Amino acid sequence: MARKRTPEPHYESLFEHVLAFRTYGEAEGSLRRLDELLHGFVAASDKKGVECCRNAALQGRRRAEMIARNPRVDPVKRSQKREIALWFRIWLEDPDLFWDWLELRKAAPGFADLARNDAK
């Protein structure tokens, strides 16, 4: 079983409350904050900080995937969490490309239907 990685104490406050994805807007905000932190850590050559960013995003992706698989969760909410898990996955694969991808994704046919149910 994989050991849960938590940020070291001096990083903890930076990542406190960073993950929120009740709505697409919250998910986007979480990824923006992670992106800001990541770029700051990269600029400072802080490998531990970069690792903490990636771990936080992995945690977000896993939590969204877990909710998406739960048959007791409303199907609309499960669909939303699958979408959000995809966002985290794409950000983890290429954070710099993610923002262009997200704009295209939000303009794609079908996304409006997903977003319409966002606040429910």
PDB file of N, CA and C in Angstrom:
ATOM      1  N   MET A   1       0.842  -1.180   0.000  1.00  0.00           N
ATOM      2  CA  MET A   1       0.000   0.000   0.000  1.00  0.00           C
ATOM      3  C   MET A   1       0.889   1.245   0.000  1.00  0.00           C
ATOM      4  N   ALA A   2       0.543   2.198  -0.832  1.00  0.00           N
ATOM      5  CA  ALA A   2       1.334   3.425  -0.939  1.00  0.00           C
ATOM      6  C   ALA A   2       1.154   4.281   0.305  1.00  0.00           C
ATOM      7  N   ARG A   3       2.248   4.841   0.743  1.00  0.00           N
ATOM      8  CA  ARG A   3       2.210   5.723   1.895  1.00  0.00           C
ATOM      9  C   ARG A   3       1.723   7.095   1.472  1.00  0.00           C
ATOM     10  N   LYS A   4       0.809   7.647   2.236  1.00  0.00           N
ATOM     11  CA  LYS A   4       0.292   8.980   1.930  1.00  0.00           C
ATOM     12  C   LYS A   4       1.391  10.003   2.187  1.00  0.00           C
ATOM     13  N   ARG A   5       1.616  10.842   1.188  1.00  0.00           N
ATOM     14  CA  ARG A   5       2.638  11.879   1.322  1.00  0.00           C
ATOM     15  C   ARG A   5       1.969  13.173   1.750  1.00  0.00           C
ATOM     16  N   THR A   6       2.499  13.747   2.795  1.00  0.00           N
ATOM     17  CA  THR A   6       1.996  15.041   3.242  1.00  0.00           C
ATOM     18  C   THR A   6       3.121  16.045   3.134  1.00  0.00           C
ATOM     19  N   PRO A   7       2.767  17.295   2.894  1.00  0.00           N
ATOM     20  CA  PRO A   7       3.818  18.311   2.807  1.00  0.00           C
ATOM     21  C   PRO A   7       4.577  18.424   4.123  1.00  0.00           C
ATOM     22  N   GLU A   8       5.840  18.784   4.025  1.00  0.00           N
ATOM     23  CA  GLU A   8       6.625  19.037   5.231  1.00  0.00           C
ATOM     24  C   GLU A   8       6.036  20.255   5.929  1.00  0.00           C
ATOM     25  N   PRO A   9       6.288  20.376   7.238  1.00  0.00           N
ATOM     26  CA  PRO A   9       5.654  21.457   8.010  1.00  0.00           C
ATOM     27  C   PRO A   9       5.779  22.848   7.405  1.00  0.00           C
ATOM     28  N   HIS A  10       6.934  23.213   6.860  1.00  0.00           N
ATOM     29  CA  HIS A  10       7.071  24.569   6.330  1.00  0.00           C
ATOM     30  C   HIS A  10       6.324  24.763   5.006  1.00  0.00           C
ATOM     31  N   TYR A  11       5.868  23.690   4.388  1.00  0.00           N
ATOM     32  CA  TYR A  11       5.056  23.790   3.176  1.00  0.00           C
ATOM     33  C   TYR A  11       3.565  23.698   3.494  1.00  0.00           C
ATOM     34  N   GLU A  12       3.259  23.131   4.640  1.00  0.00           N
ATOM     35  CA  GLU A  12       1.870  22.836   4.981  1.00  0.00           C
ATOM     36  C   GLU A  12       0.934  24.029   4.832  1.00  0.00           C
ATOM     37  N   SER A  13       1.335  25.176   5.321  1.00  0.00           N
ATOM     38  CA  SER A  13       0.447  26.341   5.262  1.00  0.00           C
ATOM     39  C   SER A  13       0.202  26.793   3.823  1.00  0.00           C
ATOM     40  N   LEU A  14       1.155  26.557   2.933  1.00  0.00           N
ATOM     41  CA  LEU A  14       0.974  26.936   1.532  1.00  0.00           C
ATOM     42  C   LEU A  14      -0.097  26.099   0.851  1.00  0.00           C
ATOM     43  N   PHE A  15      -0.257  24.864   1.298  1.00  0.00           N
ATOM     44  CA  PHE A  15      -1.181  23.941   0.651  1.00  0.00           C
ATOM     45  C   PHE A  15      -2.488  23.758   1.420  1.00  0.00           C
ATOM     46  N   GLU A  16      -2.585  24.417   2.556  1.00  0.00           N
ATOM     47  CA  GLU A  16      -3.801  24.313   3.349  1.00  0.00           C
ATOM     48  C   GLU A  16      -4.977  24.899   2.565  1.00  0.00           C
ATOM     49  N   HIS A  17      -6.014  24.138   2.425  1.00  0.00           N
ATOM     50  CA  HIS A  17      -7.250  24.553   1.742  1.00  0.00           C
ATOM     51  C   HIS A  17      -7.055  24.829   0.253  1.00  0.00           C
ATOM     52  N   VAL A  18      -5.979  24.328  -0.334  1.00  0.00           N
ATOM     53  CA  VAL A  18      -5.740  24.584  -1.756  1.00  0.00           C
ATOM     54  C   VAL A  18      -6.675  23.732  -2.624  1.00  0.00           C
ATOM     55  N   LEU A  19      -7.024  22.548  -2.162  1.00  0.00           N
ATOM     56  CA  LEU A  19      -7.867  21.667  -2.958  1.00  0.00           C
ATOM     57  C   LEU A  19      -9.338  21.869  -2.635  1.00  0.00           C
ATOM     58  N   ALA A  20     -10.039  22.393  -3.610  1.00  0.00           N
ATOM     59  CA  ALA A  20     -11.494  22.529  -3.522  1.00  0.00           C
ATOM     60  C   ALA A  20     -12.033  22.290  -4.918  1.00  0.00           C
ATOM     61  N   PHE A  21     -12.994  21.406  -5.031  1.00  0.00           N
ATOM     62  CA  PHE A  21     -13.543  21.155  -6.366  1.00  0.00           C
ATOM     63  C   PHE A  21     -15.001  20.739  -6.303  1.00  0.00           C
ATOM     64  N   ARG A  22     -15.744  21.474  -5.506  1.00  0.00           N
ATOM     65  CA  ARG A  22     -17.192  21.267  -5.457  1.00  0.00           C
ATOM     66  C   ARG A  22     -17.825  21.685  -6.784  1.00  0.00           C
ATOM     67  N   THR A  23     -17.221  22.689  -7.425  1.00  0.00           N
ATOM     68  CA  THR A  23     -17.692  23.187  -8.719  1.00  0.00           C
ATOM     69  C   THR A  23     -16.498  23.263  -9.669  1.00  0.00           C
ATOM     70  N   TYR A  24     -16.812  23.461 -10.942  1.00  0.00           N
ATOM     71  CA  TYR A  24     -15.722  23.637 -11.907  1.00  0.00           C
ATOM     72  C   TYR A  24     -14.913  24.891 -11.594  1.00  0.00           C
ATOM     73  N   GLY A  25     -15.589  25.932 -11.150  1.00  0.00           N
ATOM     74  CA  GLY A  25     -14.884  27.163 -10.783  1.00  0.00           C
ATOM     75  C   GLY A  25     -13.905  26.943  -9.645  1.00  0.00           C
ATOM     76  N   GLU A  26     -14.324  26.186  -8.640  1.00  0.00           N
ATOM     77  CA  GLU A  26     -13.423  25.874  -7.530  1.00  0.00           C
ATOM     78  C   GLU A  26     -12.248  25.030  -8.007  1.00  0.00           C
ATOM     79  N   ALA A  27     -12.523  24.062  -8.871  1.00  0.00           N
ATOM     80  CA  ALA A  27     -11.450  23.215  -9.394  1.00  0.00           C
ATOM     81  C   ALA A  27     -10.435  24.049 -10.175  1.00  0.00           C
ATOM     82  N   GLU A  28     -10.940  24.949 -11.002  1.00  0.00           N
ATOM     83  CA  GLU A  28     -10.041  25.818 -11.763  1.00  0.00           C
ATOM     84  C   GLU A  28      -9.225  26.702 -10.821  1.00  0.00           C
ATOM     85  N   GLY A  29      -9.860  27.213  -9.784  1.00  0.00           N
ATOM     86  CA  GLY A  29      -9.142  28.029  -8.797  1.00  0.00           C
ATOM     87  C   GLY A  29      -8.058  27.237  -8.089  1.00  0.00           C
ATOM     88  N   SER A  30      -8.355  25.996  -7.745  1.00  0.00           N
ATOM     89  CA  SER A  30      -7.356  25.138  -7.103  1.00  0.00           C
ATOM     90  C   SER A  30      -6.160  24.917  -8.019  1.00  0.00           C
ATOM     91  N   LEU A  31      -6.451  24.640  -9.274  1.00  0.00           N
ATOM     92  CA  LEU A  31      -5.356  24.420 -10.224  1.00  0.00           C
ATOM     93  C   LEU A  31      -4.570  25.698 -10.488  1.00  0.00           C
ATOM     94  N   ARG A  32      -5.237  26.840 -10.483  1.00  0.00           N
ATOM     95  CA  ARG A  32      -4.501  28.114 -10.638  1.00  0.00           C
ATOM     96  C   ARG A  32      -3.552  28.329  -9.461  1.00  0.00           C
ATOM     97  N   ARG A  33      -4.028  28.053  -8.262  1.00  0.00           N
ATOM     98  CA  ARG A  33      -3.175  28.220  -7.068  1.00  0.00           C
ATOM     99  C   ARG A  33      -1.994  27.249  -7.113  1.00  0.00           C
ATOM    100  N   LEU A  34      -2.269  25.987  -7.462  1.00  0.00           N
ATOM    101  CA  LEU A  34      -1.181  25.021  -7.589  1.00  0.00           C
ATOM    102  C   LEU A  34      -0.185  25.453  -8.661  1.00  0.00           C
ATOM    103  N   ASP A  35      -0.695  25.996  -9.752  1.00  0.00           N
ATOM    104  CA  ASP A  35       0.163  26.456 -10.842  1.00  0.00           C
ATOM    105  C   ASP A  35       1.055  27.610 -10.379  1.00  0.00           C
ATOM    106  N   GLU A  36       0.475  28.552  -9.642  1.00  0.00           N
ATOM    107  CA  GLU A  36       1.271  29.671  -9.105  1.00  0.00           C
ATOM    108  C   GLU A  36       2.365  29.155  -8.182  1.00  0.00           C
ATOM    109  N   LEU A  37       1.995  28.232  -7.292  1.00  0.00           N
ATOM    110  CA  LEU A  37       2.981  27.656  -6.381  1.00  0.00           C
ATOM    111  C   LEU A  37       4.065  26.916  -7.158  1.00  0.00           C
ATOM    112  N   LEU A  38       3.649  26.113  -8.132  1.00  0.00           N
ATOM    113  CA  LEU A  38       4.611  25.347  -8.916  1.00  0.00           C
ATOM    114  C   LEU A  38       5.625  26.259  -9.599  1.00  0.00           C
ATOM    115  N   HIS A  39       5.137  27.309 -10.269  1.00  0.00           N
ATOM    116  CA  HIS A  39       6.057  28.209 -10.971  1.00  0.00           C
ATOM    117  C   HIS A  39       6.995  28.918  -9.995  1.00  0.00           C
ATOM    118  N   GLY A  40       6.500  29.248  -8.819  1.00  0.00           N
ATOM    119  CA  GLY A  40       7.361  29.851  -7.801  1.00  0.00           C
ATOM    120  C   GLY A  40       8.445  28.891  -7.343  1.00  0.00           C
ATOM    121  N   PHE A  41       8.069  27.650  -7.118  1.00  0.00           N
ATOM    122  CA  PHE A  41       9.055  26.649  -6.685  1.00  0.00           C
ATOM    123  C   PHE A  41      10.070  26.354  -7.790  1.00  0.00           C
ATOM    124  N   VAL A  42       9.619  26.293  -9.022  1.00  0.00           N
ATOM    125  CA  VAL A  42      10.538  26.055 -10.143  1.00  0.00           C
ATOM    126  C   VAL A  42      11.530  27.212 -10.241  1.00  0.00           C
ATOM    127  N   ALA A  43      11.022  28.441 -10.143  1.00  0.00           N
ATOM    128  CA  ALA A  43      11.894  29.620 -10.227  1.00  0.00           C
ATOM    129  C   ALA A  43      12.924  29.633  -9.104  1.00  0.00           C
ATOM    130  N   ALA A  44      12.535  29.103  -7.942  1.00  0.00           N
ATOM    131  CA  ALA A  44      13.441  29.068  -6.792  1.00  0.00           C
ATOM    132  C   ALA A  44      14.272  27.783  -6.743  1.00  0.00           C
ATOM    133  N   SER A  45      14.145  26.942  -7.762  1.00  0.00           N
ATOM    134  CA  SER A  45      14.822  25.634  -7.791  1.00  0.00           C
ATOM    135  C   SER A  45      14.523  24.817  -6.537  1.00  0.00           C
ATOM    136  N   ASP A  46      13.287  24.898  -6.085  1.00  0.00           N
ATOM    137  CA  ASP A  46      12.842  24.191  -4.877  1.00  0.00           C
ATOM    138  C   ASP A  46      12.188  22.877  -5.285  1.00  0.00           C
ATOM    139  N   LYS A  47      12.981  21.809  -5.342  1.00  0.00           N
ATOM    140  CA  LYS A  47      12.485  20.507  -5.787  1.00  0.00           C
ATOM    141  C   LYS A  47      11.439  19.937  -4.836  1.00  0.00           C
ATOM    142  N   LYS A  48      11.623  20.166  -3.554  1.00  0.00           N
ATOM    143  CA  LYS A  48      10.652  19.668  -2.573  1.00  0.00           C
ATOM    144  C   LYS A  48       9.308  20.374  -2.761  1.00  0.00           C
ATOM    145  N   GLY A  49       9.322  21.660  -3.021  1.00  0.00           N
ATOM    146  CA  GLY A  49       8.090  22.394  -3.269  1.00  0.00           C
ATOM    147  C   GLY A  49       7.382  21.902  -4.519  1.00  0.00           C
ATOM    148  N   VAL A  50       8.161  21.630  -5.577  1.00  0.00           N
ATOM    149  CA  VAL A  50       7.593  21.088  -6.812  1.00  0.00           C
ATOM    150  C   VAL A  50       6.935  19.740  -6.510  1.00  0.00           C
ATOM    151  N   GLU A  51       7.615  18.911  -5.743  1.00  0.00           N
ATOM    152  CA  GLU A  51       7.068  17.605  -5.374  1.00  0.00           C
ATOM    153  C   GLU A  51       5.771  17.760  -4.574  1.00  0.00           C
ATOM    154  N   CYS A  52       5.740  18.715  -3.671  1.00  0.00           N
ATOM    155  CA  CYS A  52       4.526  18.957  -2.886  1.00  0.00           C
ATOM    156  C   CYS A  52       3.368  19.390  -3.779  1.00  0.00           C
ATOM    157  N   CYS A  53       3.639  20.207  -4.789  1.00  0.00           N
ATOM    158  CA  CYS A  53       2.598  20.625  -5.749  1.00  0.00           C
ATOM    159  C   CYS A  53       2.049  19.414  -6.486  1.00  0.00           C
ATOM    160  N   ARG A  54       2.933  18.596  -6.981  1.00  0.00           N
ATOM    161  CA  ARG A  54       2.502  17.407  -7.718  1.00  0.00           C
ATOM    162  C   ARG A  54       1.706  16.468  -6.823  1.00  0.00           C
ATOM    163  N   ASN A  55       2.152  16.305  -5.591  1.00  0.00           N
ATOM    164  CA  ASN A  55       1.436  15.437  -4.659  1.00  0.00           C
ATOM    165  C   ASN A  55       0.039  15.972  -4.347  1.00  0.00           C
ATOM    166  N   ALA A  56      -0.083  17.277  -4.213  1.00  0.00           N
ATOM    167  CA  ALA A  56      -1.396  17.879  -3.954  1.00  0.00           C
ATOM    168  C   ALA A  56      -2.315  17.646  -5.157  1.00  0.00           C
ATOM    169  N   ALA A  57      -1.797  17.832  -6.361  1.00  0.00           N
ATOM    170  CA  ALA A  57      -2.605  17.604  -7.558  1.00  0.00           C
ATOM    171  C   ALA A  57      -2.983  16.129  -7.696  1.00  0.00           C
ATOM    172  N   LEU A  58      -2.061  15.238  -7.366  1.00  0.00           N
ATOM    173  CA  LEU A  58      -2.374  13.803  -7.384  1.00  0.00           C
ATOM    174  C   LEU A  58      -3.487  13.484  -6.388  1.00  0.00           C
ATOM    175  N   GLN A  59      -3.414  14.092  -5.233  1.00  0.00           N
ATOM    176  CA  GLN A  59      -4.451  13.883  -4.224  1.00  0.00           C
ATOM    177  C   GLN A  59      -5.803  14.383  -4.748  1.00  0.00           C
ATOM    178  N   GLY A  60      -5.809  15.541  -5.378  1.00  0.00           N
ATOM    179  CA  GLY A  60      -7.038  16.068  -5.952  1.00  0.00           C
ATOM    180  C   GLY A  60      -7.602  15.144  -7.011  1.00  0.00           C
ATOM    181  N   ARG A  61      -6.736  14.662  -7.894  1.00  0.00           N
ATOM    182  CA  ARG A  61      -7.181  13.741  -8.943  1.00  0.00           C
ATOM    183  C   ARG A  61      -7.756  12.467  -8.338  1.00  0.00           C
ATOM    184  N   ARG A  62      -7.070  11.910  -7.360  1.00  0.00           N
ATOM    185  CA  ARG A  62      -7.532  10.667  -6.735  1.00  0.00           C
ATOM    186  C   ARG A  62      -8.857  10.853  -5.999  1.00  0.00           C
ATOM    187  N   ARG A  63      -8.997  11.972  -5.309  1.00  0.00           N
ATOM    188  CA  ARG A  63     -10.256  12.230  -4.605  1.00  0.00           C
ATOM    189  C   ARG A  63     -11.403  12.377  -5.594  1.00  0.00           C
ATOM    190  N   ALA A  64     -11.174  13.097  -6.695  1.00  0.00           N
ATOM    191  CA  ALA A  64     -12.214  13.259  -7.712  1.00  0.00           C
ATOM    192  C   ALA A  64     -12.561  11.908  -8.338  1.00  0.00           C
ATOM    193  N   GLU A  65     -11.547  11.086  -8.617  1.00  0.00           N
ATOM    194  CA  GLU A  65     -11.792   9.765  -9.186  1.00  0.00           C
ATOM    195  C   GLU A  65     -12.579   8.879  -8.226  1.00  0.00           C
ATOM    196  N   MET A  66     -12.254   8.969  -6.940  1.00  0.00           N
ATOM    197  CA  MET A  66     -12.947   8.167  -5.934  1.00  0.00           C
ATOM    198  C   MET A  66     -14.436   8.528  -5.895  1.00  0.00           C
ATOM    199  N   ILE A  67     -14.736   9.829  -5.920  1.00  0.00           N
ATOM    200  CA  ILE A  67     -16.126  10.278  -5.905  1.00  0.00           C
ATOM    201  C   ILE A  67     -16.824   9.837  -7.191  1.00  0.00           C
ATOM    202  N   ALA A  68     -16.119   9.927  -8.318  1.00  0.00           N
ATOM    203  CA  ALA A  68     -16.698   9.556  -9.618  1.00  0.00           C
ATOM    204  C   ALA A  68     -17.050   8.073  -9.683  1.00  0.00           C
ATOM    205  N   ARG A  69     -16.351   7.245  -8.937  1.00  0.00           N
ATOM    206  CA  ARG A  69     -16.611   5.796  -8.932  1.00  0.00           C
ATOM    207  C   ARG A  69     -17.668   5.374  -7.916  1.00  0.00           C
ATOM    208  N   ASN A  70     -18.045   6.263  -7.028  1.00  0.00           N
ATOM    209  CA  ASN A  70     -18.946   5.893  -5.943  1.00  0.00           C
ATOM    210  C   ASN A  70     -20.392   5.814  -6.449  1.00  0.00           C
ATOM    211  N   PRO A  71     -20.973   4.628  -6.486  1.00  0.00           N
ATOM    212  CA  PRO A  71     -22.331   4.481  -7.016  1.00  0.00           C
ATOM    213  C   PRO A  71     -23.409   5.163  -6.155  1.00  0.00           C
ATOM    214  N   ARG A  72     -23.073   5.519  -4.943  1.00  0.00           N
ATOM    215  CA  ARG A  72     -24.050   6.201  -4.076  1.00  0.00           C
ATOM    216  C   ARG A  72     -24.130   7.695  -4.361  1.00  0.00           C
ATOM    217  N   VAL A  73     -23.178   8.214  -5.135  1.00  0.00           N
ATOM    218  CA  VAL A  73     -23.154   9.636  -5.478  1.00  0.00           C
ATOM    219  C   VAL A  73     -24.058   9.856  -6.692  1.00  0.00           C
ATOM    220  N   ASP A  74     -24.753  10.963  -6.697  1.00  0.00           N
ATOM    221  CA  ASP A  74     -25.630  11.334  -7.801  1.00  0.00           C
ATOM    222  C   ASP A  74     -24.882  11.239  -9.133  1.00  0.00           C
ATOM    223  N   PRO A  75     -25.502  10.663 -10.172  1.00  0.00           N
ATOM    224  CA  PRO A  75     -24.824  10.502 -11.463  1.00  0.00           C
ATOM    225  C   PRO A  75     -24.293  11.813 -12.062  1.00  0.00           C
ATOM    226  N   VAL A  76     -25.015  12.907 -11.879  1.00  0.00           N
ATOM    227  CA  VAL A  76     -24.536  14.196 -12.404  1.00  0.00           C
ATOM    228  C   VAL A  76     -23.250  14.597 -11.694  1.00  0.00           C
ATOM    229  N   LYS A  77     -23.230  14.428 -10.378  1.00  0.00           N
ATOM    230  CA  LYS A  77     -22.031  14.773  -9.597  1.00  0.00           C
ATOM    231  C   LYS A  77     -20.876  13.848  -9.965  1.00  0.00           C
ATOM    232  N   ARG A  78     -21.160  12.585 -10.210  1.00  0.00           N
ATOM    233  CA  ARG A  78     -20.115  11.644 -10.614  1.00  0.00           C
ATOM    234  C   ARG A  78     -19.502  12.058 -11.948  1.00  0.00           C
ATOM    235  N   SER A  79     -20.348  12.484 -12.871  1.00  0.00           N
ATOM    236  CA  SER A  79     -19.861  12.948 -14.173  1.00  0.00           C
ATOM    237  C   SER A  79     -18.974  14.172 -14.007  1.00  0.00           C
ATOM    238  N   GLN A  80     -19.386  15.088 -13.142  1.00  0.00           N
ATOM    239  CA  GLN A  80     -18.596  16.286 -12.873  1.00  0.00           C
ATOM    240  C   GLN A  80     -17.237  15.907 -12.299  1.00  0.00           C
ATOM    241  N   LYS A  81     -17.205  14.975 -11.381  1.00  0.00           N
ATOM    242  CA  LYS A  81     -15.928  14.584 -10.765  1.00  0.00           C
ATOM    243  C   LYS A  81     -15.027  13.865 -11.767  1.00  0.00           C
ATOM    244  N   ARG A  82     -15.617  13.118 -12.711  1.00  0.00           N
ATOM    245  CA  ARG A  82     -14.788  12.515 -13.772  1.00  0.00           C
ATOM    246  C   ARG A  82     -14.113  13.606 -14.589  1.00  0.00           C
ATOM    247  N   GLU A  83     -14.879  14.643 -14.901  1.00  0.00           N
ATOM    248  CA  GLU A  83     -14.331  15.775 -15.659  1.00  0.00           C
ATOM    249  C   GLU A  83     -13.210  16.458 -14.868  1.00  0.00           C
ATOM    250  N   ILE A  84     -13.442  16.698 -13.603  1.00  0.00           N
ATOM    251  CA  ILE A  84     -12.444  17.376 -12.770  1.00  0.00           C
ATOM    252  C   ILE A  84     -11.195  16.509 -12.614  1.00  0.00           C
ATOM    253  N   ALA A  85     -11.377  15.199 -12.485  1.00  0.00           N
ATOM    254  CA  ALA A  85     -10.215  14.300 -12.414  1.00  0.00           C
ATOM    255  C   ALA A  85      -9.391  14.415 -13.692  1.00  0.00           C
ATOM    256  N   LEU A  86     -10.074  14.546 -14.837  1.00  0.00           N
ATOM    257  CA  LEU A  86      -9.377  14.741 -16.109  1.00  0.00           C
ATOM    258  C   LEU A  86      -8.566  16.030 -16.078  1.00  0.00           C
ATOM    259  N   TRP A  87      -9.149  17.090 -15.537  1.00  0.00           N
ATOM    260  CA  TRP A  87      -8.421  18.368 -15.449  1.00  0.00           C
ATOM    261  C   TRP A  87      -7.133  18.196 -14.672  1.00  0.00           C
ATOM    262  N   PHE A  88      -7.224  17.542 -13.506  1.00  0.00           N
ATOM    263  CA  PHE A  88      -6.026  17.323 -12.691  1.00  0.00           C
ATOM    264  C   PHE A  88      -5.015  16.470 -13.448  1.00  0.00           C
ATOM    265  N   ARG A  89      -5.502  15.436 -14.148  1.00  0.00           N
ATOM    266  CA  ARG A  89      -4.587  14.568 -14.899  1.00  0.00           C
ATOM    267  C   ARG A  89      -3.843  15.348 -15.972  1.00  0.00           C
ATOM    268  N   ILE A  90      -4.569  16.169 -16.735  1.00  0.00           N
ATOM    269  CA  ILE A  90      -3.929  16.946 -17.793  1.00  0.00           C
ATOM    270  C   ILE A  90      -2.933  17.937 -17.190  1.00  0.00           C
ATOM    271  N   TRP A  91      -3.298  18.595 -16.098  1.00  0.00           N
ATOM    272  CA  TRP A  91      -2.381  19.541 -15.450  1.00  0.00           C
ATOM    273  C   TRP A  91      -1.117  18.824 -14.996  1.00  0.00           C
ATOM    274  N   LEU A  92      -1.272  17.635 -14.435  1.00  0.00           N
ATOM    275  CA  LEU A  92      -0.096  16.874 -13.992  1.00  0.00           C
ATOM    276  C   LEU A  92       0.800  16.481 -15.167  1.00  0.00           C
ATOM    277  N   GLU A  93       0.197  16.184 -16.302  1.00  0.00           N
ATOM    278  CA  GLU A  93       0.985  15.786 -17.471  1.00  0.00           C
ATOM    279  C   GLU A  93       1.748  16.954 -18.066  1.00  0.00           C
ATOM    280  N   ASP A  94       1.116  18.133 -18.137  1.00  0.00           N
ATOM    281  CA  ASP A  94       1.775  19.292 -18.743  1.00  0.00           C
ATOM    282  C   ASP A  94       1.145  20.586 -18.217  1.00  0.00           C
ATOM    283  N   PRO A  95       1.616  21.081 -17.078  1.00  0.00           N
ATOM    284  CA  PRO A  95       1.005  22.275 -16.482  1.00  0.00           C
ATOM    285  C   PRO A  95       1.000  23.500 -17.401  1.00  0.00           C
ATOM    286  N   ASP A  96       2.015  23.637 -18.228  1.00  0.00           N
ATOM    287  CA  ASP A  96       2.077  24.811 -19.110  1.00  0.00           C
ATOM    288  C   ASP A  96       1.057  24.732 -20.241  1.00  0.00           C
ATOM    289  N   LEU A  97       0.788  23.561 -20.732  1.00  0.00           N
ATOM    290  CA  LEU A  97      -0.183  23.370 -21.793  1.00  0.00           C
ATOM    291  C   LEU A  97      -1.618  23.371 -21.262  1.00  0.00           C
ATOM    292  N   PHE A  98      -1.764  23.055 -20.003  1.00  0.00           N
ATOM    293  CA  PHE A  98      -3.097  22.872 -19.414  1.00  0.00           C
ATOM    294  C   PHE A  98      -4.042  24.037 -19.665  1.00  0.00           C
ATOM    295  N   TRP A  99      -3.578  25.261 -19.510  1.00  0.00           N
ATOM    296  CA  TRP A  99      -4.487  26.415 -19.583  1.00  0.00           C
ATOM    297  C   TRP A  99      -5.057  26.608 -20.980  1.00  0.00           C
ATOM    298  N   ASP A 100      -4.254  26.349 -22.001  1.00  0.00           N
ATOM    299  CA  ASP A 100      -4.780  26.389 -23.368  1.00  0.00           C
ATOM    300  C   ASP A 100      -5.783  25.252 -23.564  1.00  0.00           C
ATOM    301  N   TRP A 101      -5.424  24.073 -23.083  1.00  0.00           N
ATOM    302  CA  TRP A 101      -6.313  22.923 -23.184  1.00  0.00           C
ATOM    303  C   TRP A 101      -7.641  23.209 -22.482  1.00  0.00           C
ATOM    304  N   LEU A 102      -7.592  23.817 -21.286  1.00  0.00           N
ATOM    305  CA  LEU A 102      -8.811  24.081 -20.528  1.00  0.00           C
ATOM    306  C   LEU A 102      -9.734  25.027 -21.283  1.00  0.00           C
ATOM    307  N   GLU A 103      -9.172  26.055 -21.902  1.00  0.00           N
ATOM    308  CA  GLU A 103     -10.004  26.978 -22.679  1.00  0.00           C
ATOM    309  C   GLU A 103     -10.683  26.251 -23.840  1.00  0.00           C
ATOM    310  N   LEU A 104      -9.947  25.380 -24.505  1.00  0.00           N
ATOM    311  CA  LEU A 104     -10.533  24.591 -25.592  1.00  0.00           C
ATOM    312  C   LEU A 104     -11.589  23.630 -25.051  1.00  0.00           C
ATOM    313  N   ARG A 105     -11.300  23.023 -23.927  1.00  0.00           N
ATOM    314  CA  ARG A 105     -12.246  22.080 -23.319  1.00  0.00           C
ATOM    315  C   ARG A 105     -13.546  22.768 -22.959  1.00  0.00           C
ATOM    316  N   LYS A 106     -13.438  23.940 -22.366  1.00  0.00           N
ATOM    317  CA  LYS A 106     -14.644  24.661 -21.956  1.00  0.00           C
ATOM    318  C   LYS A 106     -15.455  25.136 -23.156  1.00  0.00           C
ATOM    319  N   ALA A 107     -14.824  25.277 -24.311  1.00  0.00           N
ATOM    320  CA  ALA A 107     -15.520  25.690 -25.529  1.00  0.00           C
ATOM    321  C   ALA A 107     -16.039  24.491 -26.327  1.00  0.00           C
ATOM    322  N   ALA A 108     -15.671  23.294 -25.917  1.00  0.00           N
ATOM    323  CA  ALA A 108     -16.037  22.085 -26.659  1.00  0.00           C
ATOM    324  C   ALA A 108     -17.527  21.779 -26.527  1.00  0.00           C
ATOM    325  N   PRO A 109     -18.093  21.192 -27.587  1.00  0.00           N
ATOM    326  CA  PRO A 109     -19.491  20.771 -27.497  1.00  0.00           C
ATOM    327  C   PRO A 109     -19.652  19.782 -26.338  1.00  0.00           C
ATOM    328  N   GLY A 110     -20.705  19.902 -25.629  1.00  0.00           N
ATOM    329  CA  GLY A 110     -20.950  18.998 -24.515  1.00  0.00           C
ATOM    330  C   GLY A 110     -20.534  19.556 -23.172  1.00  0.00           C
ATOM    331  N   PHE A 111     -19.534  20.424 -23.161  1.00  0.00           N
ATOM    332  CA  PHE A 111     -19.116  20.958 -21.870  1.00  0.00           C
ATOM    333  C   PHE A 111     -20.189  21.864 -21.279  1.00  0.00           C
ATOM    334  N   ALA A 112     -20.904  22.579 -22.123  1.00  0.00           N
ATOM    335  CA  ALA A 112     -21.976  23.457 -21.625  1.00  0.00           C
ATOM    336  C   ALA A 112     -23.008  22.649 -20.851  1.00  0.00           C
ATOM    337  N   ASP A 113     -23.290  21.430 -21.309  1.00  0.00           N
ATOM    338  CA  ASP A 113     -24.230  20.571 -20.585  1.00  0.00           C
ATOM    339  C   ASP A 113     -23.687  20.198 -19.212  1.00  0.00           C
ATOM    340  N   LEU A 114     -22.396  19.888 -19.150  1.00  0.00           N
ATOM    341  CA  LEU A 114     -21.769  19.578 -17.868  1.00  0.00           C
ATOM    342  C   LEU A 114     -21.809  20.786 -16.935  1.00  0.00           C
ATOM    343  N   ALA A 115     -21.450  21.936 -17.482  1.00  0.00           N
ATOM    344  CA  ALA A 115     -21.365  23.162 -16.670  1.00  0.00           C
ATOM    345  C   ALA A 115     -22.736  23.617 -16.190  1.00  0.00           C
ATOM    346  N   ARG A 116     -23.766  23.324 -16.954  1.00  0.00           N
ATOM    347  CA  ARG A 116     -25.120  23.728 -16.568  1.00  0.00           C
ATOM    348  C   ARG A 116     -25.515  23.107 -15.224  1.00  0.00           C
ATOM    349  N   ASN A 117     -25.011  21.927 -14.953  1.00  0.00           N
ATOM    350  CA  ASN A 117     -25.321  21.215 -13.710  1.00  0.00           C
ATOM    351  C   ASN A 117     -24.289  21.466 -12.612  1.00  0.00           C
ATOM    352  N   ASP A 118     -23.396  22.397 -12.842  1.00  0.00           N
ATOM    353  CA  ASP A 118     -22.246  22.619 -11.965  1.00  0.00           C
ATOM    354  C   ASP A 118     -22.614  22.913 -10.517  1.00  0.00           C
ATOM    355  N   ALA A 119     -23.550  23.770 -10.286  1.00  0.00           N
ATOM    356  CA  ALA A 119     -23.849  24.195  -8.923  1.00  0.00           C
ATOM    357  C   ALA A 119     -24.822  23.265  -8.215  1.00  0.00           C
ATOM    358  N   LYS A 120     -25.281  22.246  -8.884  1.00  0.00           N
ATOM    359  CA  LYS A 120     -26.279  21.348  -8.282  1.00  0.00           C
ATOM    360  C   LYS A 120     -25.643  20.337  -7.388  1.00  0.00           C
TER     361      LYS A 120
END
